[in-house]
């Protein structure tokens, strides 16, 4: 159904295609774990220069690893700790060009150089975060942030 060669055009057009593919992939499915798993697989296929993409789900007072693509991950992240904890506690996207310069960065994969974390807010409540790591410094820019936030807003309708 989804082929990498479909991703042609500007970066914005590629993101729009990925968002449409997300809708087609999740349409009619109500299982949250399945939808998160397919969303992470879709982003893993779509994005280049990444080494981890997945979700942390808010449980109690911490984030717990959910569906992802990549190497084994940290299982639990306290709020206010690391990039994921900061994005979750502040409910704002956090984009880090060099994770080694981020105070309190949690290094699950030593190859990671940059990161973007988008909070997932459903019905006014924190659901979790989308976390994407890259082995490239400054991998994520404003365009990535805008469209990944748009991707998350579309995903929320299936959670």
C-alpha atoms as a PDB file:
ATOM      1  CA  UNK A   1       0.000   0.000   0.000  1.00  0.00           C
ATOM      2  CA  UNK A   2       2.783   2.446   0.904  1.00  0.00           C
ATOM      3  CA  UNK A   3       5.961   2.680  -1.135  1.00  0.00           C
ATOM      4  CA  UNK A   4       8.922   5.009  -0.501  1.00  0.00           C
ATOM      5  CA  UNK A   5       8.983   6.043  -4.166  1.00  0.00           C
ATOM      6  CA  UNK A   6       5.569   7.671  -3.622  1.00  0.00           C
ATOM      7  CA  UNK A   7       7.297  10.325  -1.546  1.00  0.00           C
ATOM      8  CA  UNK A   8       8.223  12.761  -4.304  1.00  0.00           C
ATOM      9  CA  UNK A   9       7.857  16.521  -4.429  1.00  0.00           C
ATOM     10  CA  UNK A  10       8.578  19.190  -1.850  1.00  0.00           C
ATOM     11  CA  UNK A  11       9.010  18.303   1.795  1.00  0.00           C
ATOM     12  CA  UNK A  12       5.615  19.846   2.486  1.00  0.00           C
ATOM     13  CA  UNK A  13       3.980  17.676  -0.205  1.00  0.00           C
ATOM     14  CA  UNK A  14       5.659  14.583   1.210  1.00  0.00           C
ATOM     15  CA  UNK A  15       4.334  15.336   4.681  1.00  0.00           C
ATOM     16  CA  UNK A  16       0.828  15.936   3.314  1.00  0.00           C
ATOM     17  CA  UNK A  17       1.004  12.537   1.585  1.00  0.00           C
ATOM     18  CA  UNK A  18       2.142  10.870   4.820  1.00  0.00           C
ATOM     19  CA  UNK A  19      -0.782  12.443   6.695  1.00  0.00           C
ATOM     20  CA  UNK A  20      -3.234  11.200   4.053  1.00  0.00           C
ATOM     21  CA  UNK A  21      -1.658   7.763   4.285  1.00  0.00           C
ATOM     22  CA  UNK A  22      -2.088   7.851   8.059  1.00  0.00           C
ATOM     23  CA  UNK A  23      -5.803   8.520   7.584  1.00  0.00           C
ATOM     24  CA  UNK A  24      -6.135   5.650   5.097  1.00  0.00           C
ATOM     25  CA  UNK A  25      -4.163   3.305   7.313  1.00  0.00           C
ATOM     26  CA  UNK A  26      -6.128   4.004  10.497  1.00  0.00           C
ATOM     27  CA  UNK A  27      -9.591   4.615   9.082  1.00  0.00           C
ATOM     28  CA  UNK A  28     -12.088   2.362  10.846  1.00  0.00           C
ATOM     29  CA  UNK A  29      -9.597   0.985  13.394  1.00  0.00           C
ATOM     30  CA  UNK A  30     -10.314   1.739  17.045  1.00  0.00           C
ATOM     31  CA  UNK A  31      -7.494  -0.116  18.807  1.00  0.00           C
ATOM     32  CA  UNK A  32      -5.118   2.515  20.205  1.00  0.00           C
ATOM     33  CA  UNK A  33      -2.029   0.288  20.351  1.00  0.00           C
ATOM     34  CA  UNK A  34      -2.528  -0.870  16.768  1.00  0.00           C
ATOM     35  CA  UNK A  35      -2.954   2.703  15.587  1.00  0.00           C
ATOM     36  CA  UNK A  36       0.178   3.884  17.406  1.00  0.00           C
ATOM     37  CA  UNK A  37       2.140   0.929  16.022  1.00  0.00           C
ATOM     38  CA  UNK A  38       1.099   1.681  12.443  1.00  0.00           C
ATOM     39  CA  UNK A  39       1.728   5.409  12.896  1.00  0.00           C
ATOM     40  CA  UNK A  40       5.288   4.748  14.107  1.00  0.00           C
ATOM     41  CA  UNK A  41       5.899   2.312  11.231  1.00  0.00           C
ATOM     42  CA  UNK A  42       4.605   4.873   8.725  1.00  0.00           C
ATOM     43  CA  UNK A  43       6.870   7.612  10.092  1.00  0.00           C
ATOM     44  CA  UNK A  44       9.826   5.220  10.130  1.00  0.00           C
ATOM     45  CA  UNK A  45       9.254   4.520   6.445  1.00  0.00           C
ATOM     46  CA  UNK A  46       8.649   8.158   5.557  1.00  0.00           C
ATOM     47  CA  UNK A  47      11.384   9.979   7.474  1.00  0.00           C
ATOM     48  CA  UNK A  48      15.025   9.806   6.485  1.00  0.00           C
ATOM     49  CA  UNK A  49      18.009  10.169   8.805  1.00  0.00           C
ATOM     50  CA  UNK A  50      16.240   8.910  11.918  1.00  0.00           C
ATOM     51  CA  UNK A  51      17.203   6.084  14.238  1.00  0.00           C
ATOM     52  CA  UNK A  52      14.145   5.923  16.516  1.00  0.00           C
ATOM     53  CA  UNK A  53      10.500   6.902  16.213  1.00  0.00           C
ATOM     54  CA  UNK A  54       7.750   6.029  18.617  1.00  0.00           C
ATOM     55  CA  UNK A  55       5.406   6.896  21.392  1.00  0.00           C
ATOM     56  CA  UNK A  56       5.564   7.276  25.119  1.00  0.00           C
ATOM     57  CA  UNK A  57       2.184   7.014  26.839  1.00  0.00           C
ATOM     58  CA  UNK A  58       1.385   9.003  29.971  1.00  0.00           C
ATOM     59  CA  UNK A  59       0.638   6.683  32.891  1.00  0.00           C
ATOM     60  CA  UNK A  60       0.215   8.098  36.383  1.00  0.00           C
ATOM     61  CA  UNK A  61       3.111  10.511  36.784  1.00  0.00           C
ATOM     62  CA  UNK A  62       5.486   9.200  34.113  1.00  0.00           C
ATOM     63  CA  UNK A  63       5.814   8.338  30.435  1.00  0.00           C
ATOM     64  CA  UNK A  64       5.901   4.629  29.547  1.00  0.00           C
ATOM     65  CA  UNK A  65       7.274   3.392  26.232  1.00  0.00           C
ATOM     66  CA  UNK A  66       4.629   2.415  23.704  1.00  0.00           C
ATOM     67  CA  UNK A  67       4.825   1.260  20.091  1.00  0.00           C
ATOM     68  CA  UNK A  68       8.049   2.271  18.335  1.00  0.00           C
ATOM     69  CA  UNK A  69      10.529   1.529  15.558  1.00  0.00           C
ATOM     70  CA  UNK A  70      14.220   1.316  16.444  1.00  0.00           C
ATOM     71  CA  UNK A  71      16.541  -0.094  19.061  1.00  0.00           C
ATOM     72  CA  UNK A  72      15.226  -1.041  22.509  1.00  0.00           C
ATOM     73  CA  UNK A  73      14.235   2.073  24.423  1.00  0.00           C
ATOM     74  CA  UNK A  74      14.107   3.485  27.905  1.00  0.00           C
ATOM     75  CA  UNK A  75      10.904   2.138  29.435  1.00  0.00           C
ATOM     76  CA  UNK A  76       9.945   4.854  31.898  1.00  0.00           C
ATOM     77  CA  UNK A  77      10.620   8.589  31.802  1.00  0.00           C
ATOM     78  CA  UNK A  78       9.609  10.877  34.678  1.00  0.00           C
ATOM     79  CA  UNK A  79       7.888  14.128  33.790  1.00  0.00           C
ATOM     80  CA  UNK A  80      10.287  17.087  33.682  1.00  0.00           C
ATOM     81  CA  UNK A  81      13.189  14.735  32.793  1.00  0.00           C
ATOM     82  CA  UNK A  82      14.833  14.609  29.384  1.00  0.00           C
ATOM     83  CA  UNK A  83      13.390  15.942  26.154  1.00  0.00           C
ATOM     84  CA  UNK A  84      10.264  13.762  26.383  1.00  0.00           C
ATOM     85  CA  UNK A  85       9.564  14.766  29.980  1.00  0.00           C
ATOM     86  CA  UNK A  86       9.995  18.444  29.155  1.00  0.00           C
ATOM     87  CA  UNK A  87       7.626  18.265  26.150  1.00  0.00           C
ATOM     88  CA  UNK A  88       5.055  16.338  28.195  1.00  0.00           C
ATOM     89  CA  UNK A  89       5.178  18.570  31.265  1.00  0.00           C
ATOM     90  CA  UNK A  90       5.142  21.812  29.269  1.00  0.00           C
ATOM     91  CA  UNK A  91       2.732  20.454  26.630  1.00  0.00           C
ATOM     92  CA  UNK A  92       4.871  22.057  23.934  1.00  0.00           C
ATOM     93  CA  UNK A  93       6.946  20.620  21.112  1.00  0.00           C
ATOM     94  CA  UNK A  94      10.638  20.472  21.969  1.00  0.00           C
ATOM     95  CA  UNK A  95      13.167  20.436  19.130  1.00  0.00           C
ATOM     96  CA  UNK A  96      16.794  19.830  20.090  1.00  0.00           C
ATOM     97  CA  UNK A  97      19.558  20.296  17.506  1.00  0.00           C
ATOM     98  CA  UNK A  98      22.236  18.671  19.671  1.00  0.00           C
ATOM     99  CA  UNK A  99      21.010  16.386  22.454  1.00  0.00           C
ATOM    100  CA  UNK A 100      24.431  16.441  24.133  1.00  0.00           C
ATOM    101  CA  UNK A 101      23.826  20.116  24.941  1.00  0.00           C
ATOM    102  CA  UNK A 102      20.372  19.467  26.428  1.00  0.00           C
ATOM    103  CA  UNK A 103      20.490  19.453  30.247  1.00  0.00           C
ATOM    104  CA  UNK A 104      19.245  16.121  31.594  1.00  0.00           C
ATOM    105  CA  UNK A 105      19.102  14.392  28.212  1.00  0.00           C
ATOM    106  CA  UNK A 106      18.329  10.682  28.590  1.00  0.00           C
ATOM    107  CA  UNK A 107      20.570   8.730  26.216  1.00  0.00           C
ATOM    108  CA  UNK A 108      18.735   5.552  25.247  1.00  0.00           C
ATOM    109  CA  UNK A 109      20.763   5.268  22.023  1.00  0.00           C
ATOM    110  CA  UNK A 110      24.257   6.753  21.993  1.00  0.00           C
ATOM    111  CA  UNK A 111      23.971   7.307  18.219  1.00  0.00           C
ATOM    112  CA  UNK A 112      21.241   9.939  18.682  1.00  0.00           C
ATOM    113  CA  UNK A 113      22.388  13.489  17.981  1.00  0.00           C
ATOM    114  CA  UNK A 114      19.134  15.444  17.602  1.00  0.00           C
ATOM    115  CA  UNK A 115      15.539  14.943  18.681  1.00  0.00           C
ATOM    116  CA  UNK A 116      12.020  16.269  18.339  1.00  0.00           C
ATOM    117  CA  UNK A 117       9.205  15.480  20.757  1.00  0.00           C
ATOM    118  CA  UNK A 118       5.581  16.422  20.127  1.00  0.00           C
ATOM    119  CA  UNK A 119       3.093  16.201  23.009  1.00  0.00           C
ATOM    120  CA  UNK A 120      -0.172  14.389  22.340  1.00  0.00           C
ATOM    121  CA  UNK A 121      -3.072  16.209  23.998  1.00  0.00           C
ATOM    122  CA  UNK A 122      -6.491  14.569  23.666  1.00  0.00           C
ATOM    123  CA  UNK A 123      -9.590  16.261  25.070  1.00  0.00           C
ATOM    124  CA  UNK A 124      -7.391  18.638  27.054  1.00  0.00           C
ATOM    125  CA  UNK A 125      -5.488  15.810  28.754  1.00  0.00           C
ATOM    126  CA  UNK A 126      -1.936  14.606  28.213  1.00  0.00           C
ATOM    127  CA  UNK A 127      -2.048  11.261  26.373  1.00  0.00           C
ATOM    128  CA  UNK A 128       1.700  10.969  25.712  1.00  0.00           C
ATOM    129  CA  UNK A 129       4.350  12.093  23.257  1.00  0.00           C
ATOM    130  CA  UNK A 130       5.685  11.310  19.797  1.00  0.00           C
ATOM    131  CA  UNK A 131       9.470  11.041  20.059  1.00  0.00           C
ATOM    132  CA  UNK A 132      11.825  10.997  17.062  1.00  0.00           C
ATOM    133  CA  UNK A 133      15.613  10.720  17.299  1.00  0.00           C
ATOM    134  CA  UNK A 134      18.214  11.235  14.596  1.00  0.00           C
ATOM    135  CA  UNK A 135      21.907  10.361  14.292  1.00  0.00           C
ATOM    136  CA  UNK A 136      22.339  13.718  12.487  1.00  0.00           C
ATOM    137  CA  UNK A 137      22.808  17.053  14.260  1.00  0.00           C
ATOM    138  CA  UNK A 138      20.059  19.631  13.609  1.00  0.00           C
ATOM    139  CA  UNK A 139      17.959  17.063  11.711  1.00  0.00           C
ATOM    140  CA  UNK A 140      14.601  18.682  12.521  1.00  0.00           C
ATOM    141  CA  UNK A 141      13.538  22.169  11.433  1.00  0.00           C
ATOM    142  CA  UNK A 142      10.400  24.326  11.525  1.00  0.00           C
ATOM    143  CA  UNK A 143       8.863  22.496   8.548  1.00  0.00           C
ATOM    144  CA  UNK A 144       9.329  19.129  10.262  1.00  0.00           C
ATOM    145  CA  UNK A 145       7.847  20.527  13.453  1.00  0.00           C
ATOM    146  CA  UNK A 146       4.811  22.003  11.712  1.00  0.00           C
ATOM    147  CA  UNK A 147       3.954  18.835   9.809  1.00  0.00           C
ATOM    148  CA  UNK A 148       4.744  16.428  12.647  1.00  0.00           C
ATOM    149  CA  UNK A 149       2.391  18.456  14.850  1.00  0.00           C
ATOM    150  CA  UNK A 150      -0.197  18.203  12.072  1.00  0.00           C
ATOM    151  CA  UNK A 151       0.461  14.421  11.890  1.00  0.00           C
ATOM    152  CA  UNK A 152      -0.124  14.132  15.654  1.00  0.00           C
ATOM    153  CA  UNK A 153      -3.334  16.191  15.422  1.00  0.00           C
ATOM    154  CA  UNK A 154      -4.620  13.777  12.787  1.00  0.00           C
ATOM    155  CA  UNK A 155      -3.523  10.769  14.864  1.00  0.00           C
ATOM    156  CA  UNK A 156      -5.446  12.058  17.905  1.00  0.00           C
ATOM    157  CA  UNK A 157      -8.724  11.423  16.082  1.00  0.00           C
ATOM    158  CA  UNK A 158      -7.856   7.688  16.111  1.00  0.00           C
ATOM    159  CA  UNK A 159      -6.890   7.405  19.783  1.00  0.00           C
END
